[in-house]
Amino acid sequence: MRVLVACEFSGVVRRAFQERGHDAWSCDLLPCEGDPVWHIQGDAVEAAYNRPWDMMIAHPPCTHLAVSGARWFKKKQREQEEALEFVQRLLDAPIPKIALENPVGAISTRIRKPDQTIQPYQFGHMEQKKTCLWLKNLPKLVDTHNVYDAMMQLPKKERERMHYLPPSPDRWKLRSKTFDGIAQAMAQQWSN
């Protein structure tokens, strides 16, 4: 398949699909971390509409959408409207199979409810970070290695590590990377 991984600078999801033999490309306004050969540095909507793809997995920025920033929603209404328009354009792209992921937030109330919510612990990571998936012609992901019971033995700050990251210029980058186990599950389960 020709796979577009929109709004991904890390290459995590792209590599998972490439390992399964797919013609996978990441696209982001930022340069790629690692191998830039399979990365389109540019507008993800433009890439989604102007090239032939069989599948798109989109990770739109959540800065103006996530419920974790709800206390600032009133002050950034214009930014939120633009972010929601961007999400809608990705969801409406002329691509047969689409998965869009984002934290709990404005997409659920302003566009539509997610088809599924997942957690890293369902895919082998000893962490909690609820993520919503909006799916088009793709099945829901199935747990690959649920470590919930073991994870719950950890202190809250460890299992919710992403929420407790200290302020830093790279905090948003660290929080936005897809967990390897989730990327592998997407590539495995959505390749068929």
C-alpha atoms as a PDB file:
ATOM      1  CA  MET A   1       0.000   0.000   0.000  1.00  0.00           C
ATOM      2  CA  ARG A   2       0.949   3.642  -0.392  1.00  0.00           C
ATOM      3  CA  VAL A   3       0.665   5.040   3.138  1.00  0.00           C
ATOM      4  CA  LEU A   4       0.809   8.681   4.214  1.00  0.00           C
ATOM      5  CA  VAL A   5       1.591   9.332   7.868  1.00  0.00           C
ATOM      6  CA  ALA A   6       0.462  12.931   8.187  1.00  0.00           C
ATOM      7  CA  CYS A   7       1.832  15.295  10.822  1.00  0.00           C
ATOM      8  CA  GLU A   8       4.639  12.945  11.810  1.00  0.00           C
ATOM      9  CA  PHE A   9       8.223  14.173  12.172  1.00  0.00           C
ATOM     10  CA  SER A  10       9.515  11.212  14.205  1.00  0.00           C
ATOM     11  CA  GLY A  11       9.046   8.519  11.554  1.00  0.00           C
ATOM     12  CA  VAL A  12       7.839   5.953  14.131  1.00  0.00           C
ATOM     13  CA  VAL A  13       4.613   4.988  12.342  1.00  0.00           C
ATOM     14  CA  ARG A  14       6.146   5.357   8.876  1.00  0.00           C
ATOM     15  CA  ARG A  15       8.951   2.919   9.751  1.00  0.00           C
ATOM     16  CA  ALA A  16       6.483   0.384  11.192  1.00  0.00           C
ATOM     17  CA  PHE A  17       4.655   0.283   7.834  1.00  0.00           C
ATOM     18  CA  GLN A  18       7.898   0.246   5.843  1.00  0.00           C
ATOM     19  CA  GLU A  19       9.070  -2.786   7.840  1.00  0.00           C
ATOM     20  CA  ARG A  20       5.992  -4.592   6.482  1.00  0.00           C
ATOM     21  CA  GLY A  21       6.895  -3.721   2.896  1.00  0.00           C
ATOM     22  CA  HIS A  22       4.633  -0.721   2.334  1.00  0.00           C
ATOM     23  CA  ASP A  23       5.514   2.445   0.417  1.00  0.00           C
ATOM     24  CA  ALA A  24       5.102   4.652   3.494  1.00  0.00           C
ATOM     25  CA  TRP A  25       5.880   8.360   3.758  1.00  0.00           C
ATOM     26  CA  SER A  26       5.738  10.768   6.669  1.00  0.00           C
ATOM     27  CA  CYS A  27       4.747  14.394   6.160  1.00  0.00           C
ATOM     28  CA  ASP A  28       5.149  17.344   8.497  1.00  0.00           C
ATOM     29  CA  LEU A  29       6.067  21.012   8.452  1.00  0.00           C
ATOM     30  CA  LEU A  30       9.079  20.013  10.559  1.00  0.00           C
ATOM     31  CA  PRO A  31      12.094  18.167   9.182  1.00  0.00           C
ATOM     32  CA  CYS A  32      12.217  14.431   9.869  1.00  0.00           C
ATOM     33  CA  GLU A  33      14.109  13.014  12.814  1.00  0.00           C
ATOM     34  CA  GLY A  34      16.354  10.366  11.303  1.00  0.00           C
ATOM     35  CA  ASP A  35      16.125   9.281   7.654  1.00  0.00           C
ATOM     36  CA  PRO A  36      14.675  12.191   5.604  1.00  0.00           C
ATOM     37  CA  VAL A  37      14.442  10.184   2.348  1.00  0.00           C
ATOM     38  CA  TRP A  38      10.855   9.053   3.007  1.00  0.00           C
ATOM     39  CA  HIS A  39       9.673  12.372   4.464  1.00  0.00           C
ATOM     40  CA  ILE A  40       7.714  15.151   2.796  1.00  0.00           C
ATOM     41  CA  GLN A  41       8.450  18.415   4.552  1.00  0.00           C
ATOM     42  CA  GLY A  42       5.344  20.434   3.883  1.00  0.00           C
ATOM     43  CA  ASP A  43       1.594  20.767   4.340  1.00  0.00           C
ATOM     44  CA  ALA A  44      -0.089  17.456   5.221  1.00  0.00           C
ATOM     45  CA  VAL A  45      -3.427  18.473   3.686  1.00  0.00           C
ATOM     46  CA  GLU A  46      -1.716  19.293   0.403  1.00  0.00           C
ATOM     47  CA  ALA A  47       0.043  15.915   0.449  1.00  0.00           C
ATOM     48  CA  ALA A  48      -3.211  14.113   1.281  1.00  0.00           C
ATOM     49  CA  TYR A  49      -5.133  15.709  -1.589  1.00  0.00           C
ATOM     50  CA  ASN A  50      -2.460  15.851  -4.279  1.00  0.00           C
ATOM     51  CA  ARG A  51      -0.969  12.350  -4.279  1.00  0.00           C
ATOM     52  CA  PRO A  52      -2.546   8.900  -4.633  1.00  0.00           C
ATOM     53  CA  TRP A  53      -2.663   7.133  -1.238  1.00  0.00           C
ATOM     54  CA  ASP A  54      -4.309   3.910  -0.090  1.00  0.00           C
ATOM     55  CA  MET A  55      -4.188   4.830   3.583  1.00  0.00           C
ATOM     56  CA  MET A  56      -3.487   7.834   5.771  1.00  0.00           C
ATOM     57  CA  ILE A  57      -2.709   7.866   9.464  1.00  0.00           C
ATOM     58  CA  ALA A  58      -2.919  11.444  10.694  1.00  0.00           C
ATOM     59  CA  HIS A  59      -1.589  12.928  13.910  1.00  0.00           C
ATOM     60  CA  PRO A  60      -2.774  16.559  13.790  1.00  0.00           C
ATOM     61  CA  PRO A  61      -1.302  18.886  16.419  1.00  0.00           C
ATOM     62  CA  CYS A  62      -3.390  18.836  19.593  1.00  0.00           C
ATOM     63  CA  THR A  63      -2.220  22.173  21.030  1.00  0.00           C
ATOM     64  CA  HIS A  64      -5.575  23.892  20.450  1.00  0.00           C
ATOM     65  CA  LEU A  65      -7.731  20.748  20.644  1.00  0.00           C
ATOM     66  CA  ALA A  66      -6.820  18.632  23.683  1.00  0.00           C
ATOM     67  CA  VAL A  67      -8.990  18.824  26.777  1.00  0.00           C
ATOM     68  CA  SER A  68      -5.798  19.269  28.825  1.00  0.00           C
ATOM     69  CA  GLY A  69      -5.720  22.839  27.502  1.00  0.00           C
ATOM     70  CA  ALA A  70      -9.446  23.521  27.962  1.00  0.00           C
ATOM     71  CA  ARG A  71      -8.875  26.365  30.413  1.00  0.00           C
ATOM     72  CA  TRP A  72      -7.348  28.352  27.514  1.00  0.00           C
ATOM     73  CA  PHE A  73     -10.044  27.532  24.923  1.00  0.00           C
ATOM     74  CA  LYS A  74     -11.838  30.895  25.335  1.00  0.00           C
ATOM     75  CA  LYS A  75      -8.628  32.806  24.655  1.00  0.00           C
ATOM     76  CA  LYS A  76      -7.775  30.852  21.520  1.00  0.00           C
ATOM     77  CA  GLN A  77     -11.084  30.399  19.718  1.00  0.00           C
ATOM     78  CA  ARG A  78      -9.655  31.407  16.323  1.00  0.00           C
ATOM     79  CA  GLU A  79      -6.757  28.955  16.689  1.00  0.00           C
ATOM     80  CA  GLN A  80      -9.137  26.192  17.711  1.00  0.00           C
ATOM     81  CA  GLU A  81     -11.419  26.831  14.729  1.00  0.00           C
ATOM     82  CA  GLU A  82      -8.417  26.657  12.391  1.00  0.00           C
ATOM     83  CA  ALA A  83      -7.256  23.420  14.045  1.00  0.00           C
ATOM     84  CA  LEU A  84     -10.726  21.876  13.698  1.00  0.00           C
ATOM     85  CA  GLU A  85     -10.887  22.913  10.030  1.00  0.00           C
ATOM     86  CA  PHE A  86      -7.491  21.252   9.483  1.00  0.00           C
ATOM     87  CA  VAL A  87      -8.742  18.039  11.138  1.00  0.00           C
ATOM     88  CA  GLN A  88     -11.917  18.052   9.035  1.00  0.00           C
ATOM     89  CA  ARG A  89      -9.911  18.475   5.830  1.00  0.00           C
ATOM     90  CA  LEU A  90      -7.760  15.477   6.809  1.00  0.00           C
ATOM     91  CA  LEU A  91     -10.843  13.379   7.593  1.00  0.00           C
ATOM     92  CA  ASP A  92     -12.410  14.375   4.254  1.00  0.00           C
ATOM     93  CA  ALA A  93      -9.298  13.541   2.188  1.00  0.00           C
ATOM     94  CA  PRO A  94      -9.954  11.325  -0.865  1.00  0.00           C
ATOM     95  CA  ILE A  95      -8.128   8.362   0.661  1.00  0.00           C
ATOM     96  CA  PRO A  96      -9.902   4.985   1.058  1.00  0.00           C
ATOM     97  CA  LYS A  97      -8.602   4.219   4.571  1.00  0.00           C
ATOM     98  CA  ILE A  98      -8.016   6.870   7.221  1.00  0.00           C
ATOM     99  CA  ALA A  99      -7.095   6.831  10.893  1.00  0.00           C
ATOM    100  CA  LEU A 100      -6.814  10.118  12.754  1.00  0.00           C
ATOM    101  CA  GLU A 101      -5.484  10.137  16.305  1.00  0.00           C
ATOM    102  CA  ASN A 102      -5.660  12.821  18.982  1.00  0.00           C
ATOM    103  CA  PRO A 103      -6.139  13.094  22.724  1.00  0.00           C
ATOM    104  CA  VAL A 104      -9.594  13.562  24.216  1.00  0.00           C
ATOM    105  CA  GLY A 105     -10.709  17.054  23.245  1.00  0.00           C
ATOM    106  CA  ALA A 106     -12.615  19.317  20.896  1.00  0.00           C
ATOM    107  CA  ILE A 107     -12.749  16.914  17.949  1.00  0.00           C
ATOM    108  CA  SER A 108     -15.095  14.652  19.943  1.00  0.00           C
ATOM    109  CA  THR A 109     -17.587  17.428  20.604  1.00  0.00           C
ATOM    110  CA  ARG A 110     -17.204  19.582  17.500  1.00  0.00           C
ATOM    111  CA  ILE A 111     -16.748  17.040  14.678  1.00  0.00           C
ATOM    112  CA  ARG A 112     -17.749  13.582  15.927  1.00  0.00           C
ATOM    113  CA  LYS A 113     -17.117  11.049  18.641  1.00  0.00           C
ATOM    114  CA  PRO A 114     -14.072   8.808  18.171  1.00  0.00           C
ATOM    115  CA  ASP A 115     -14.511   5.251  16.972  1.00  0.00           C
ATOM    116  CA  GLN A 116     -12.085   3.953  19.593  1.00  0.00           C
ATOM    117  CA  THR A 117      -9.916   5.027  22.504  1.00  0.00           C
ATOM    118  CA  ILE A 118      -6.660   3.242  23.218  1.00  0.00           C
ATOM    119  CA  GLN A 119      -3.965   3.278  25.892  1.00  0.00           C
ATOM    120  CA  PRO A 120      -0.227   2.512  25.571  1.00  0.00           C
ATOM    121  CA  TYR A 121      -0.550  -0.267  28.173  1.00  0.00           C
ATOM    122  CA  GLN A 122      -2.708  -2.226  25.703  1.00  0.00           C
ATOM    123  CA  PHE A 123       0.346  -2.492  23.441  1.00  0.00           C
ATOM    124  CA  GLY A 124       3.122  -3.327  25.914  1.00  0.00           C
ATOM    125  CA  HIS A 125       3.997   0.089  27.370  1.00  0.00           C
ATOM    126  CA  MET A 126       3.828   0.611  31.126  1.00  0.00           C
ATOM    127  CA  GLU A 127       2.089   3.970  30.724  1.00  0.00           C
ATOM    128  CA  GLN A 128      -1.289   5.637  30.549  1.00  0.00           C
ATOM    129  CA  LYS A 129      -2.101   8.213  27.852  1.00  0.00           C
ATOM    130  CA  LYS A 130      -5.644   7.979  26.526  1.00  0.00           C
ATOM    131  CA  THR A 131      -5.727   8.458  22.772  1.00  0.00           C
ATOM    132  CA  CYS A 132      -8.787   8.667  20.524  1.00  0.00           C
ATOM    133  CA  LEU A 133      -8.977   7.185  17.036  1.00  0.00           C
ATOM    134  CA  TRP A 134     -11.339   8.313  14.289  1.00  0.00           C
ATOM    135  CA  LEU A 135     -11.460   5.553  11.669  1.00  0.00           C
ATOM    136  CA  LYS A 136     -12.610   5.292   8.047  1.00  0.00           C
ATOM    137  CA  ASN A 137     -12.698   1.770   6.534  1.00  0.00           C
ATOM    138  CA  LEU A 138     -10.302   0.442   9.182  1.00  0.00           C
ATOM    139  CA  PRO A 139     -11.023  -1.968  12.044  1.00  0.00           C
ATOM    140  CA  LYS A 140     -10.525  -1.026  15.661  1.00  0.00           C
ATOM    141  CA  LEU A 141      -7.106  -1.937  17.022  1.00  0.00           C
ATOM    142  CA  VAL A 142      -6.937  -5.068  19.151  1.00  0.00           C
ATOM    143  CA  ASP A 143      -4.654  -5.267  22.214  1.00  0.00           C
ATOM    144  CA  THR A 144      -1.332  -6.920  21.433  1.00  0.00           C
ATOM    145  CA  HIS A 145       0.224  -7.108  24.895  1.00  0.00           C
ATOM    146  CA  ASN A 146      -1.905  -5.670  27.703  1.00  0.00           C
ATOM    147  CA  VAL A 147       0.294  -4.840  30.715  1.00  0.00           C
ATOM    148  CA  TYR A 148      -2.381  -2.987  32.705  1.00  0.00           C
ATOM    149  CA  ASP A 149      -2.061  -5.044  35.898  1.00  0.00           C
ATOM    150  CA  ALA A 150       1.733  -4.711  36.041  1.00  0.00           C
ATOM    151  CA  MET A 151       1.540  -1.009  35.165  1.00  0.00           C
ATOM    152  CA  MET A 152      -0.898  -0.332  37.994  1.00  0.00           C
ATOM    153  CA  GLN A 153       1.788  -1.473  40.446  1.00  0.00           C
ATOM    154  CA  LEU A 154       3.892   1.541  39.431  1.00  0.00           C
ATOM    155  CA  PRO A 155       3.646   4.922  41.161  1.00  0.00           C
ATOM    156  CA  LYS A 156       1.207   7.293  39.427  1.00  0.00           C
ATOM    157  CA  LYS A 157       4.031   9.601  38.274  1.00  0.00           C
ATOM    158  CA  GLU A 158       5.671   6.704  36.418  1.00  0.00           C
ATOM    159  CA  ARG A 159       2.575   5.323  34.728  1.00  0.00           C
ATOM    160  CA  GLU A 160       1.458   8.853  33.763  1.00  0.00           C
ATOM    161  CA  ARG A 161       4.983   9.954  32.853  1.00  0.00           C
ATOM    162  CA  MET A 162       3.858  11.961  29.828  1.00  0.00           C
ATOM    163  CA  HIS A 163       1.527  14.091  31.961  1.00  0.00           C
ATOM    164  CA  TYR A 164       4.282  14.824  34.468  1.00  0.00           C
ATOM    165  CA  LEU A 165       7.013  15.848  32.026  1.00  0.00           C
ATOM    166  CA  PRO A 166       8.564  19.084  33.281  1.00  0.00           C
ATOM    167  CA  PRO A 167       8.266  22.228  31.174  1.00  0.00           C
ATOM    168  CA  SER A 168      10.866  22.354  28.421  1.00  0.00           C
ATOM    169  CA  PRO A 169      11.185  23.498  24.813  1.00  0.00           C
ATOM    170  CA  ASP A 170      10.877  19.850  23.675  1.00  0.00           C
ATOM    171  CA  ARG A 171       8.003  18.774  25.956  1.00  0.00           C
ATOM    172  CA  TRP A 172       5.459  18.930  23.122  1.00  0.00           C
ATOM    173  CA  LYS A 173       7.723  16.805  20.889  1.00  0.00           C
ATOM    174  CA  LEU A 174       8.135  14.127  23.551  1.00  0.00           C
ATOM    175  CA  ARG A 175       4.385  14.031  24.199  1.00  0.00           C
ATOM    176  CA  SER A 176       3.489  13.842  20.511  1.00  0.00           C
ATOM    177  CA  LYS A 177       5.527  10.767  19.532  1.00  0.00           C
ATOM    178  CA  THR A 178       3.577   7.585  18.904  1.00  0.00           C
ATOM    179  CA  PHE A 179       4.493   4.660  21.159  1.00  0.00           C
ATOM    180  CA  ASP A 180       6.314   1.915  19.223  1.00  0.00           C
ATOM    181  CA  GLY A 181       3.834  -0.759  20.323  1.00  0.00           C
ATOM    182  CA  ILE A 182       0.909   1.256  18.960  1.00  0.00           C
ATOM    183  CA  ALA A 183       2.741   1.919  15.668  1.00  0.00           C
ATOM    184  CA  GLN A 184       3.521  -1.796  15.325  1.00  0.00           C
ATOM    185  CA  ALA A 185      -0.117  -2.719  16.018  1.00  0.00           C
ATOM    186  CA  MET A 186      -1.329  -0.235  13.375  1.00  0.00           C
ATOM    187  CA  ALA A 187       1.090  -1.625  10.790  1.00  0.00           C
ATOM    188  CA  GLN A 188       0.305  -5.257  11.610  1.00  0.00           C
ATOM    189  CA  GLN A 189      -3.461  -4.998  11.945  1.00  0.00           C
ATOM    190  CA  TRP A 190      -4.127  -2.473   9.184  1.00  0.00           C
ATOM    191  CA  SER A 191      -1.825  -4.114   6.609  1.00  0.00           C
ATOM    192  CA  ASN A 192      -4.343  -6.818   5.781  1.00  0.00           C
END
